[in-house]
Amino acid sequence: MFVKVWKEIEDGKIDPVYCIYGEETYFIDETIQRIKNALSRQEEVEMTTFDLEETPVDFVMEEADTFPFLSERKLIVARNAAFLKPAEKGAEKIDHDLKRLENWLKNPS
């Protein structure tokens, strides 16, 4: 799976959104780095990282919808999306608007 995605990234076929999850942090970090490297070959990239245990997903979407400040493109990494896996009710510290996220993912900026 990762090898196929890495090849596409290397070939410049970069999707607007990736949902990368799992226990193997090496593959997650390596994929993020490969995306950053591929984008950086084309132009300057502004990278911002959010922790979704502390930041509402609404804020991440708003950041994605704004233009980059000092570069041509943005790379936004949102880590710890615990709402994507089953959890105990009330375990979330942040209230995420998942319906808005679902709609945004249909047409990301």
PDB file of N, CA and C in Angstrom:
ATOM      1  N   MET A   1       0.828  -1.192   0.000  1.00  0.00           N
ATOM      2  CA  MET A   1       0.000   0.000   0.000  1.00  0.00           C
ATOM      3  C   MET A   1       0.869   1.251   0.000  1.00  0.00           C
ATOM      4  N   PHE A   2       1.776   1.358   0.971  1.00  0.00           N
ATOM      5  CA  PHE A   2       2.600   2.560   1.058  1.00  0.00           C
ATOM      6  C   PHE A   2       3.510   2.705  -0.155  1.00  0.00           C
ATOM      7  N   VAL A   3       4.043   1.595  -0.661  1.00  0.00           N
ATOM      8  CA  VAL A   3       4.944   1.661  -1.809  1.00  0.00           C
ATOM      9  C   VAL A   3       4.222   2.261  -3.011  1.00  0.00           C
ATOM     10  N   LYS A   4       2.978   1.882  -3.223  1.00  0.00           N
ATOM     11  CA  LYS A   4       2.190   2.426  -4.338  1.00  0.00           C
ATOM     12  C   LYS A   4       1.979   3.931  -4.161  1.00  0.00           C
ATOM     13  N   VAL A   5       1.597   4.338  -2.972  1.00  0.00           N
ATOM     14  CA  VAL A   5       1.379   5.764  -2.690  1.00  0.00           C
ATOM     15  C   VAL A   5       2.688   6.527  -2.838  1.00  0.00           C
ATOM     16  N   TRP A   6       3.789   5.976  -2.327  1.00  0.00           N
ATOM     17  CA  TRP A   6       5.084   6.648  -2.437  1.00  0.00           C
ATOM     18  C   TRP A   6       5.480   6.831  -3.898  1.00  0.00           C
ATOM     19  N   LYS A   7       5.205   5.837  -4.732  1.00  0.00           N
ATOM     20  CA  LYS A   7       5.530   5.935  -6.165  1.00  0.00           C
ATOM     21  C   LYS A   7       4.715   7.052  -6.812  1.00  0.00           C
ATOM     22  N   GLU A   8       3.425   7.129  -6.498  1.00  0.00           N
ATOM     23  CA  GLU A   8       2.581   8.189  -7.047  1.00  0.00           C
ATOM     24  C   GLU A   8       3.084   9.562  -6.611  1.00  0.00           C
ATOM     25  N   ILE A   9       3.456   9.689  -5.358  1.00  0.00           N
ATOM     26  CA  ILE A   9       3.984  10.959  -4.847  1.00  0.00           C
ATOM     27  C   ILE A   9       5.271  11.314  -5.585  1.00  0.00           C
ATOM     28  N   GLU A  10       6.147  10.328  -5.739  1.00  0.00           N
ATOM     29  CA  GLU A  10       7.411  10.541  -6.442  1.00  0.00           C
ATOM     30  C   GLU A  10       7.171  10.989  -7.882  1.00  0.00           C
ATOM     31  N   ASP A  11       6.111  10.474  -8.493  1.00  0.00           N
ATOM     32  CA  ASP A  11       5.768  10.836  -9.873  1.00  0.00           C
ATOM     33  C   ASP A  11       5.021  12.166  -9.965  1.00  0.00           C
ATOM     34  N   GLY A  12       4.816  12.828  -8.823  1.00  0.00           N
ATOM     35  CA  GLY A  12       4.150  14.127  -8.817  1.00  0.00           C
ATOM     36  C   GLY A  12       2.640  14.059  -8.776  1.00  0.00           C
ATOM     37  N   LYS A  13       2.090  12.874  -8.573  1.00  0.00           N
ATOM     38  CA  LYS A  13       0.635  12.704  -8.479  1.00  0.00           C
ATOM     39  C   LYS A  13       0.241  12.808  -7.003  1.00  0.00           C
ATOM     40  N   ILE A  14       0.053  14.035  -6.558  1.00  0.00           N
ATOM     41  CA  ILE A  14      -0.213  14.282  -5.142  1.00  0.00           C
ATOM     42  C   ILE A  14      -1.674  14.660  -4.969  1.00  0.00           C
ATOM     43  N   ASP A  15      -2.376  13.878  -4.165  1.00  0.00           N
ATOM     44  CA  ASP A  15      -3.789  14.146  -3.890  1.00  0.00           C
ATOM     45  C   ASP A  15      -3.921  15.322  -2.932  1.00  0.00           C
ATOM     46  N   PRO A  16      -5.082  15.994  -2.939  1.00  0.00           N
ATOM     47  CA  PRO A  16      -5.260  17.129  -2.029  1.00  0.00           C
ATOM     48  C   PRO A  16      -5.373  16.710  -0.563  1.00  0.00           C
ATOM     49  N   VAL A  17      -5.808  15.469  -0.301  1.00  0.00           N
ATOM     50  CA  VAL A  17      -5.978  14.995   1.078  1.00  0.00           C
ATOM     51  C   VAL A  17      -5.546  13.532   1.155  1.00  0.00           C
ATOM     52  N   TYR A  18      -4.817  13.213   2.204  1.00  0.00           N
ATOM     53  CA  TYR A  18      -4.462  11.833   2.520  1.00  0.00           C
ATOM     54  C   TYR A  18      -4.935  11.538   3.938  1.00  0.00           C
ATOM     55  N   CYS A  19      -5.518  10.374   4.125  1.00  0.00           N
ATOM     56  CA  CYS A  19      -5.881   9.908   5.462  1.00  0.00           C
ATOM     57  C   CYS A  19      -4.942   8.739   5.762  1.00  0.00           C
ATOM     58  N   ILE A  20      -3.938   9.014   6.566  1.00  0.00           N
ATOM     59  CA  ILE A  20      -2.907   8.026   6.870  1.00  0.00           C
ATOM     60  C   ILE A  20      -3.014   7.693   8.355  1.00  0.00           C
ATOM     61  N   TYR A  21      -3.236   6.435   8.660  1.00  0.00           N
ATOM     62  CA  TYR A  21      -3.378   6.059  10.065  1.00  0.00           C
ATOM     63  C   TYR A  21      -2.806   4.669  10.283  1.00  0.00           C
ATOM     64  N   GLY A  22      -2.570   4.344  11.510  1.00  0.00           N
ATOM     65  CA  GLY A  22      -2.060   3.027  11.856  1.00  0.00           C
ATOM     66  C   GLY A  22      -1.080   3.115  13.005  1.00  0.00           C
ATOM     67  N   GLU A  23      -0.556   1.978  13.374  1.00  0.00           N
ATOM     68  CA  GLU A  23       0.365   1.886  14.500  1.00  0.00           C
ATOM     69  C   GLU A  23       1.813   2.141  14.089  1.00  0.00           C
ATOM     70  N   GLU A  24       2.122   1.977  12.808  1.00  0.00           N
ATOM     71  CA  GLU A  24       3.494   2.130  12.322  1.00  0.00           C
ATOM     72  C   GLU A  24       3.802   3.594  12.031  1.00  0.00           C
ATOM     73  N   THR A  25       4.329   4.294  13.012  1.00  0.00           N
ATOM     74  CA  THR A  25       4.597   5.723  12.838  1.00  0.00           C
ATOM     75  C   THR A  25       5.660   5.980  11.771  1.00  0.00           C
ATOM     76  N   TYR A  26       6.552   5.013  11.544  1.00  0.00           N
ATOM     77  CA  TYR A  26       7.563   5.191  10.497  1.00  0.00           C
ATOM     78  C   TYR A  26       6.897   5.450   9.152  1.00  0.00           C
ATOM     79  N   PHE A  27       5.912   4.635   8.790  1.00  0.00           N
ATOM     80  CA  PHE A  27       5.259   4.779   7.491  1.00  0.00           C
ATOM     81  C   PHE A  27       4.487   6.094   7.395  1.00  0.00           C
ATOM     82  N   ILE A  28       3.875   6.489   8.476  1.00  0.00           N
ATOM     83  CA  ILE A  28       3.142   7.760   8.494  1.00  0.00           C
ATOM     84  C   ILE A  28       4.118   8.918   8.306  1.00  0.00           C
ATOM     85  N   ASP A  29       5.165   8.948   9.115  1.00  0.00           N
ATOM     86  CA  ASP A  29       6.142  10.034   9.035  1.00  0.00           C
ATOM     87  C   ASP A  29       6.859  10.047   7.687  1.00  0.00           C
ATOM     88  N   GLU A  30       7.189   8.884   7.168  1.00  0.00           N
ATOM     89  CA  GLU A  30       7.869   8.790   5.873  1.00  0.00           C
ATOM     90  C   GLU A  30       6.972   9.305   4.749  1.00  0.00           C
ATOM     91  N   THR A  31       5.698   8.983   4.800  1.00  0.00           N
ATOM     92  CA  THR A  31       4.767   9.459   3.775  1.00  0.00           C
ATOM     93  C   THR A  31       4.639  10.976   3.828  1.00  0.00           C
ATOM     94  N   ILE A  32       4.515  11.526   5.017  1.00  0.00           N
ATOM     95  CA  ILE A  32       4.438  12.984   5.164  1.00  0.00           C
ATOM     96  C   ILE A  32       5.706  13.630   4.614  1.00  0.00           C
ATOM     97  N   GLN A  33       6.857  13.081   4.940  1.00  0.00           N
ATOM     98  CA  GLN A  33       8.121  13.637   4.458  1.00  0.00           C
ATOM     99  C   GLN A  33       8.218  13.551   2.937  1.00  0.00           C
ATOM    100  N   ARG A  34       7.764  12.461   2.356  1.00  0.00           N
ATOM    101  CA  ARG A  34       7.807  12.316   0.896  1.00  0.00           C
ATOM    102  C   ARG A  34       6.882  13.325   0.214  1.00  0.00           C
ATOM    103  N   ILE A  35       5.725  13.565   0.802  1.00  0.00           N
ATOM    104  CA  ILE A  35       4.819  14.580   0.250  1.00  0.00           C
ATOM    105  C   ILE A  35       5.494  15.947   0.322  1.00  0.00           C
ATOM    106  N   LYS A  36       6.061  16.263   1.466  1.00  0.00           N
ATOM    107  CA  LYS A  36       6.738  17.554   1.631  1.00  0.00           C
ATOM    108  C   LYS A  36       7.881  17.700   0.628  1.00  0.00           C
ATOM    109  N   ASN A  37       8.690  16.668   0.473  1.00  0.00           N
ATOM    110  CA  ASN A  37       9.805  16.719  -0.474  1.00  0.00           C
ATOM    111  C   ASN A  37       9.317  16.907  -1.902  1.00  0.00           C
ATOM    112  N   ALA A  38       8.259  16.197  -2.275  1.00  0.00           N
ATOM    113  CA  ALA A  38       7.729  16.315  -3.639  1.00  0.00           C
ATOM    114  C   ALA A  38       7.185  17.712  -3.894  1.00  0.00           C
ATOM    115  N   LEU A  39       6.471  18.260  -2.933  1.00  0.00           N
ATOM    116  CA  LEU A  39       5.943  19.617  -3.089  1.00  0.00           C
ATOM    117  C   LEU A  39       7.072  20.639  -3.116  1.00  0.00           C
ATOM    118  N   SER A  40       8.102  20.430  -2.315  1.00  0.00           N
ATOM    119  CA  SER A  40       9.228  21.365  -2.239  1.00  0.00           C
ATOM    120  C   SER A  40      10.036  21.388  -3.529  1.00  0.00           C
ATOM    121  N   ARG A  41      10.033  20.291  -4.269  1.00  0.00           N
ATOM    122  CA  ARG A  41      10.733  20.276  -5.558  1.00  0.00           C
ATOM    123  C   ARG A  41      10.054  21.215  -6.547  1.00  0.00           C
ATOM    124  N   GLN A  42       8.750  21.406  -6.382  1.00  0.00           N
ATOM    125  CA  GLN A  42       7.985  22.238  -7.304  1.00  0.00           C
ATOM    126  C   GLN A  42       8.022  23.707  -6.894  1.00  0.00           C
ATOM    127  N   GLU A  43       7.915  23.981  -5.608  1.00  0.00           N
ATOM    128  CA  GLU A  43       7.866  25.357  -5.107  1.00  0.00           C
ATOM    129  C   GLU A  43       7.992  25.340  -3.586  1.00  0.00           C
ATOM    130  N   GLU A  44       8.074  26.527  -2.997  1.00  0.00           N
ATOM    131  CA  GLU A  44       8.177  26.603  -1.539  1.00  0.00           C
ATOM    132  C   GLU A  44       6.893  26.117  -0.885  1.00  0.00           C
ATOM    133  N   VAL A  45       7.048  25.445   0.248  1.00  0.00           N
ATOM    134  CA  VAL A  45       5.903  24.862   0.949  1.00  0.00           C
ATOM    135  C   VAL A  45       5.907  25.311   2.407  1.00  0.00           C
ATOM    136  N   GLU A  46       4.742  25.727   2.870  1.00  0.00           N
ATOM    137  CA  GLU A  46       4.532  26.081   4.275  1.00  0.00           C
ATOM    138  C   GLU A  46       3.888  24.867   4.948  1.00  0.00           C
ATOM    139  N   MET A  47       4.544  24.307   5.960  1.00  0.00           N
ATOM    140  CA  MET A  47       4.008  23.127   6.644  1.00  0.00           C
ATOM    141  C   MET A  47       3.514  23.515   8.033  1.00  0.00           C
ATOM    142  N   THR A  48       2.288  23.109   8.332  1.00  0.00           N
ATOM    143  CA  THR A  48       1.680  23.360   9.632  1.00  0.00           C
ATOM    144  C   THR A  48       1.171  22.035  10.179  1.00  0.00           C
ATOM    145  N   THR A  49       1.428  21.777  11.451  1.00  0.00           N
ATOM    146  CA  THR A  49       0.986  20.535  12.082  1.00  0.00           C
ATOM    147  C   THR A  49       0.029  20.858  13.226  1.00  0.00           C
ATOM    148  N   PHE A  50      -1.071  20.113  13.272  1.00  0.00           N
ATOM    149  CA  PHE A  50      -2.069  20.270  14.326  1.00  0.00           C
ATOM    150  C   PHE A  50      -2.232  18.956  15.074  1.00  0.00           C
ATOM    151  N   ASP A  51      -2.507  19.041  16.352  1.00  0.00           N
ATOM    152  CA  ASP A  51      -2.839  17.887  17.176  1.00  0.00           C
ATOM    153  C   ASP A  51      -4.348  17.929  17.398  1.00  0.00           C
ATOM    154  N   LEU A  52      -5.066  16.981  16.813  1.00  0.00           N
ATOM    155  CA  LEU A  52      -6.526  16.987  16.895  1.00  0.00           C
ATOM    156  C   LEU A  52      -7.051  16.593  18.273  1.00  0.00           C
ATOM    157  N   GLU A  53      -6.168  16.249  19.188  1.00  0.00           N
ATOM    158  CA  GLU A  53      -6.596  16.070  20.579  1.00  0.00           C
ATOM    159  C   GLU A  53      -6.705  17.422  21.275  1.00  0.00           C
ATOM    160  N   GLU A  54      -6.117  18.455  20.654  1.00  0.00           N
ATOM    161  CA  GLU A  54      -6.116  19.796  21.235  1.00  0.00           C
ATOM    162  C   GLU A  54      -6.786  20.844  20.341  1.00  0.00           C
ATOM    163  N   THR A  55      -6.932  20.547  19.055  1.00  0.00           N
ATOM    164  CA  THR A  55      -7.432  21.517  18.083  1.00  0.00           C
ATOM    165  C   THR A  55      -8.665  20.961  17.384  1.00  0.00           C
ATOM    166  N   PRO A  56      -9.739  21.731  17.307  1.00  0.00           N
ATOM    167  CA  PRO A  56     -10.927  21.268  16.581  1.00  0.00           C
ATOM    168  C   PRO A  56     -10.631  21.113  15.088  1.00  0.00           C
ATOM    169  N   VAL A  57     -11.196  20.103  14.488  1.00  0.00           N
ATOM    170  CA  VAL A  57     -10.995  19.863  13.065  1.00  0.00           C
ATOM    171  C   VAL A  57     -11.509  21.050  12.239  1.00  0.00           C
ATOM    172  N   ASP A  58     -12.478  21.801  12.756  1.00  0.00           N
ATOM    173  CA  ASP A  58     -12.968  23.006  12.063  1.00  0.00           C
ATOM    174  C   ASP A  58     -11.826  23.991  11.818  1.00  0.00           C
ATOM    175  N   PHE A  59     -10.967  24.148  12.813  1.00  0.00           N
ATOM    176  CA  PHE A  59      -9.844  25.076  12.696  1.00  0.00           C
ATOM    177  C   PHE A  59      -8.880  24.616  11.608  1.00  0.00           C
ATOM    178  N   VAL A  60      -8.660  23.318  11.514  1.00  0.00           N
ATOM    179  CA  VAL A  60      -7.772  22.760  10.494  1.00  0.00           C
ATOM    180  C   VAL A  60      -8.351  23.013   9.103  1.00  0.00           C
ATOM    181  N   MET A  61      -9.651  22.812   8.942  1.00  0.00           N
ATOM    182  CA  MET A  61     -10.285  23.067   7.641  1.00  0.00           C
ATOM    183  C   MET A  61     -10.203  24.543   7.272  1.00  0.00           C
ATOM    184  N   GLU A  62     -10.411  25.416   8.239  1.00  0.00           N
ATOM    185  CA  GLU A  62     -10.295  26.855   7.971  1.00  0.00           C
ATOM    186  C   GLU A  62      -8.880  27.207   7.530  1.00  0.00           C
ATOM    187  N   GLU A  63      -7.896  26.622   8.176  1.00  0.00           N
ATOM    188  CA  GLU A  63      -6.500  26.848   7.789  1.00  0.00           C
ATOM    189  C   GLU A  63      -6.249  26.342   6.370  1.00  0.00           C
ATOM    190  N   ALA A  64      -6.813  25.197   6.043  1.00  0.00           N
ATOM    191  CA  ALA A  64      -6.640  24.635   4.701  1.00  0.00           C
ATOM    192  C   ALA A  64      -7.292  25.507   3.634  1.00  0.00           C
ATOM    193  N   ASP A  65      -8.343  26.203   3.994  1.00  0.00           N
ATOM    194  CA  ASP A  65      -9.069  27.035   3.034  1.00  0.00           C
ATOM    195  C   ASP A  65      -8.471  28.428   2.856  1.00  0.00           C
ATOM    196  N   THR A  66      -7.443  28.769   3.624  1.00  0.00           N
ATOM    197  CA  THR A  66      -6.803  30.076   3.461  1.00  0.00           C
ATOM    198  C   THR A  66      -5.544  29.928   2.610  1.00  0.00           C
ATOM    199  N   PHE A  67      -5.147  31.022   1.978  1.00  0.00           N
ATOM    200  CA  PHE A  67      -3.945  31.014   1.155  1.00  0.00           C
ATOM    201  C   PHE A  67      -2.701  30.976   2.039  1.00  0.00           C
ATOM    202  N   PRO A  68      -1.624  30.373   1.541  1.00  0.00           N
ATOM    203  CA  PRO A  68      -0.376  30.370   2.305  1.00  0.00           C
ATOM    204  C   PRO A  68       0.160  31.794   2.462  1.00  0.00           C
ATOM    205  N   PHE A  69       0.916  32.023   3.510  1.00  0.00           N
ATOM    206  CA  PHE A  69       1.388  33.367   3.826  1.00  0.00           C
ATOM    207  C   PHE A  69       2.708  33.700   3.129  1.00  0.00           C
ATOM    208  N   LEU A  70       3.725  32.896   3.315  1.00  0.00           N
ATOM    209  CA  LEU A  70       5.051  33.198   2.774  1.00  0.00           C
ATOM    210  C   LEU A  70       5.544  32.172   1.759  1.00  0.00           C
ATOM    211  N   SER A  71       4.657  31.389   1.212  1.00  0.00           N
ATOM    212  CA  SER A  71       5.061  30.359   0.255  1.00  0.00           C
ATOM    213  C   SER A  71       3.965  30.172  -0.783  1.00  0.00           C
ATOM    214  N   GLU A  72       4.247  29.320  -1.739  1.00  0.00           N
ATOM    215  CA  GLU A  72       3.291  29.062  -2.813  1.00  0.00           C
ATOM    216  C   GLU A  72       2.211  28.055  -2.417  1.00  0.00           C
ATOM    217  N   ARG A  73       2.588  27.099  -1.571  1.00  0.00           N
ATOM    218  CA  ARG A  73       1.658  26.030  -1.199  1.00  0.00           C
ATOM    219  C   ARG A  73       1.716  25.751   0.288  1.00  0.00           C
ATOM    220  N   LYS A  74       0.689  25.029   0.757  1.00  0.00           N
ATOM    221  CA  LYS A  74       0.605  24.613   2.159  1.00  0.00           C
ATOM    222  C   LYS A  74       0.581  23.098   2.248  1.00  0.00           C
ATOM    223  N   LEU A  75       1.186  22.599   3.288  1.00  0.00           N
ATOM    224  CA  LEU A  75       1.047  21.200   3.670  1.00  0.00           C
ATOM    225  C   LEU A  75       0.563  21.221   5.108  1.00  0.00           C
ATOM    226  N   ILE A  76      -0.625  20.703   5.322  1.00  0.00           N
ATOM    227  CA  ILE A  76      -1.213  20.690   6.657  1.00  0.00           C
ATOM    228  C   ILE A  76      -1.283  19.251   7.143  1.00  0.00           C
ATOM    229  N   VAL A  77      -0.715  19.011   8.303  1.00  0.00           N
ATOM    230  CA  VAL A  77      -0.711  17.684   8.909  1.00  0.00           C
ATOM    231  C   VAL A  77      -1.557  17.760  10.174  1.00  0.00           C
ATOM    232  N   ALA A  78      -2.564  16.911  10.249  1.00  0.00           N
ATOM    233  CA  ALA A  78      -3.432  16.846  11.430  1.00  0.00           C
ATOM    234  C   ALA A  78      -3.238  15.471  12.066  1.00  0.00           C
ATOM    235  N   ARG A  79      -2.624  15.446  13.216  1.00  0.00           N
ATOM    236  CA  ARG A  79      -2.300  14.185  13.896  1.00  0.00           C
ATOM    237  C   ARG A  79      -3.316  13.869  14.995  1.00  0.00           C
ATOM    238  N   ASN A  80      -3.339  12.613  15.384  1.00  0.00           N
ATOM    239  CA  ASN A  80      -4.151  12.131  16.513  1.00  0.00           C
ATOM    240  C   ASN A  80      -5.649  12.322  16.285  1.00  0.00           C
ATOM    241  N   ALA A  81      -6.119  11.880  15.143  1.00  0.00           N
ATOM    242  CA  ALA A  81      -7.551  11.965  14.827  1.00  0.00           C
ATOM    243  C   ALA A  81      -8.276  10.791  15.475  1.00  0.00           C
ATOM    244  N   ALA A  82      -8.357  10.828  16.788  1.00  0.00           N
ATOM    245  CA  ALA A  82      -8.964   9.733  17.550  1.00  0.00           C
ATOM    246  C   ALA A  82     -10.421   9.521  17.180  1.00  0.00           C
ATOM    247  N   PHE A  83     -11.077  10.555  16.646  1.00  0.00           N
ATOM    248  CA  PHE A  83     -12.484  10.427  16.270  1.00  0.00           C
ATOM    249  C   PHE A  83     -12.680   9.502  15.073  1.00  0.00           C
ATOM    250  N   LEU A  84     -11.606   9.082  14.421  1.00  0.00           N
ATOM    251  CA  LEU A  84     -11.716   8.155  13.296  1.00  0.00           C
ATOM    252  C   LEU A  84     -11.783   6.696  13.740  1.00  0.00           C
ATOM    253  N   LYS A  85     -11.545   6.443  15.007  1.00  0.00           N
ATOM    254  CA  LYS A  85     -11.614   5.063  15.496  1.00  0.00           C
ATOM    255  C   LYS A  85     -12.613   4.989  16.642  1.00  0.00           C
ATOM    256  N   PRO A  86     -13.154   3.802  16.882  1.00  0.00           N
ATOM    257  CA  PRO A  86     -14.123   3.659  17.971  1.00  0.00           C
ATOM    258  C   PRO A  86     -13.493   4.053  19.308  1.00  0.00           C
ATOM    259  N   ALA A  87     -14.254   4.748  20.104  1.00  0.00           N
ATOM    260  CA  ALA A  87     -13.760   5.174  21.415  1.00  0.00           C
ATOM    261  C   ALA A  87     -14.905   5.175  22.409  1.00  0.00           C
ATOM    262  N   GLU A  88     -14.550   5.309  23.652  1.00  0.00           N
ATOM    263  CA  GLU A  88     -15.573   5.401  24.685  1.00  0.00           C
ATOM    264  C   GLU A  88     -16.301   6.726  24.554  1.00  0.00           C
ATOM    265  N   LYS A  89     -17.598   6.689  24.744  1.00  0.00           N
ATOM    266  CA  LYS A  89     -18.389   7.912  24.663  1.00  0.00           C
ATOM    267  C   LYS A  89     -17.894   8.907  25.707  1.00  0.00           C
ATOM    268  N   GLY A  90     -17.688  10.145  25.255  1.00  0.00           N
ATOM    269  CA  GLY A  90     -17.229  11.197  26.146  1.00  0.00           C
ATOM    270  C   GLY A  90     -15.726  11.252  26.322  1.00  0.00           C
ATOM    271  N   ALA A  91     -14.983  10.387  25.630  1.00  0.00           N
ATOM    272  CA  ALA A  91     -13.532  10.375  25.781  1.00  0.00           C
ATOM    273  C   ALA A  91     -12.868  11.546  25.058  1.00  0.00           C
ATOM    274  N   GLU A  92     -13.535  12.109  24.067  1.00  0.00           N
ATOM    275  CA  GLU A  92     -12.982  13.231  23.307  1.00  0.00           C
ATOM    276  C   GLU A  92     -12.928  14.490  24.156  1.00  0.00           C
ATOM    277  N   LYS A  93     -11.777  15.177  24.128  1.00  0.00           N
ATOM    278  CA  LYS A  93     -11.647  16.449  24.833  1.00  0.00           C
ATOM    279  C   LYS A  93     -12.175  17.599  23.979  1.00  0.00           C
ATOM    280  N   ILE A  94     -12.182  17.410  22.673  1.00  0.00           N
ATOM    281  CA  ILE A  94     -12.572  18.449  21.722  1.00  0.00           C
ATOM    282  C   ILE A  94     -13.816  17.984  20.980  1.00  0.00           C
ATOM    283  N   ASP A  95     -14.733  18.911  20.747  1.00  0.00           N
ATOM    284  CA  ASP A  95     -15.931  18.602  19.969  1.00  0.00           C
ATOM    285  C   ASP A  95     -15.633  18.891  18.499  1.00  0.00           C
ATOM    286  N   HIS A  96     -15.551  17.846  17.683  1.00  0.00           N
ATOM    287  CA  HIS A  96     -15.247  17.981  16.262  1.00  0.00           C
ATOM    288  C   HIS A  96     -16.539  17.937  15.453  1.00  0.00           C
ATOM    289  N   ASP A  97     -16.667  18.820  14.486  1.00  0.00           N
ATOM    290  CA  ASP A  97     -17.825  18.844  13.593  1.00  0.00           C
ATOM    291  C   ASP A  97     -17.559  17.869  12.449  1.00  0.00           C
ATOM    292  N   LEU A  98     -17.884  16.597  12.672  1.00  0.00           N
ATOM    293  CA  LEU A  98     -17.560  15.553  11.702  1.00  0.00           C
ATOM    294  C   LEU A  98     -18.409  15.644  10.443  1.00  0.00           C
ATOM    295  N   LYS A  99     -19.620  16.153  10.550  1.00  0.00           N
ATOM    296  CA  LYS A  99     -20.462  16.328   9.362  1.00  0.00           C
ATOM    297  C   LYS A  99     -19.830  17.369   8.436  1.00  0.00           C
ATOM    298  N   ARG A 100     -19.346  18.450   9.025  1.00  0.00           N
ATOM    299  CA  ARG A 100     -18.674  19.480   8.221  1.00  0.00           C
ATOM    300  C   ARG A 100     -17.411  18.906   7.582  1.00  0.00           C
ATOM    301  N   LEU A 101     -16.658  18.108   8.329  1.00  0.00           N
ATOM    302  CA  LEU A 101     -15.460  17.474   7.786  1.00  0.00           C
ATOM    303  C   LEU A 101     -15.821  16.577   6.614  1.00  0.00           C
ATOM    304  N   GLU A 102     -16.857  15.788   6.772  1.00  0.00           N
ATOM    305  CA  GLU A 102     -17.304  14.898   5.694  1.00  0.00           C
ATOM    306  C   GLU A 102     -17.638  15.702   4.438  1.00  0.00           C
ATOM    307  N   ASN A 103     -18.359  16.793   4.591  1.00  0.00           N
ATOM    308  CA  ASN A 103     -18.706  17.640   3.446  1.00  0.00           C
ATOM    309  C   ASN A 103     -17.468  18.295   2.843  1.00  0.00           C
ATOM    310  N   TRP A 104     -16.553  18.749   3.683  1.00  0.00           N
ATOM    311  CA  TRP A 104     -15.337  19.398   3.204  1.00  0.00           C
ATOM    312  C   TRP A 104     -14.482  18.417   2.401  1.00  0.00           C
ATOM    313  N   LEU A 105     -14.406  17.174   2.852  1.00  0.00           N
ATOM    314  CA  LEU A 105     -13.596  16.168   2.162  1.00  0.00           C
ATOM    315  C   LEU A 105     -14.121  15.844   0.766  1.00  0.00           C
ATOM    316  N   LYS A 106     -15.381  16.125   0.513  1.00  0.00           N
ATOM    317  CA  LYS A 106     -15.943  15.906  -0.827  1.00  0.00           C
ATOM    318  C   LYS A 106     -15.363  16.881  -1.840  1.00  0.00           C
ATOM    319  N   ASN A 107     -14.926  18.058  -1.371  1.00  0.00           N
ATOM    320  CA  ASN A 107     -14.365  19.065  -2.263  1.00  0.00           C
ATOM    321  C   ASN A 107     -13.324  19.896  -1.506  1.00  0.00           C
ATOM    322  N   PRO A 108     -12.170  19.290  -1.176  1.00  0.00           N
ATOM    323  CA  PRO A 108     -11.157  20.039  -0.422  1.00  0.00           C
ATOM    324  C   PRO A 108     -10.531  21.134  -1.279  1.00  0.00           C
ATOM    325  N   SER A 109     -10.030  22.149  -0.613  1.00  0.00           N
ATOM    326  CA  SER A 109      -9.416  23.255  -1.360  1.00  0.00           C
ATOM    327  C   SER A 109      -8.005  22.918  -1.782  1.00  0.00           C
TER     328      SER A 109
END
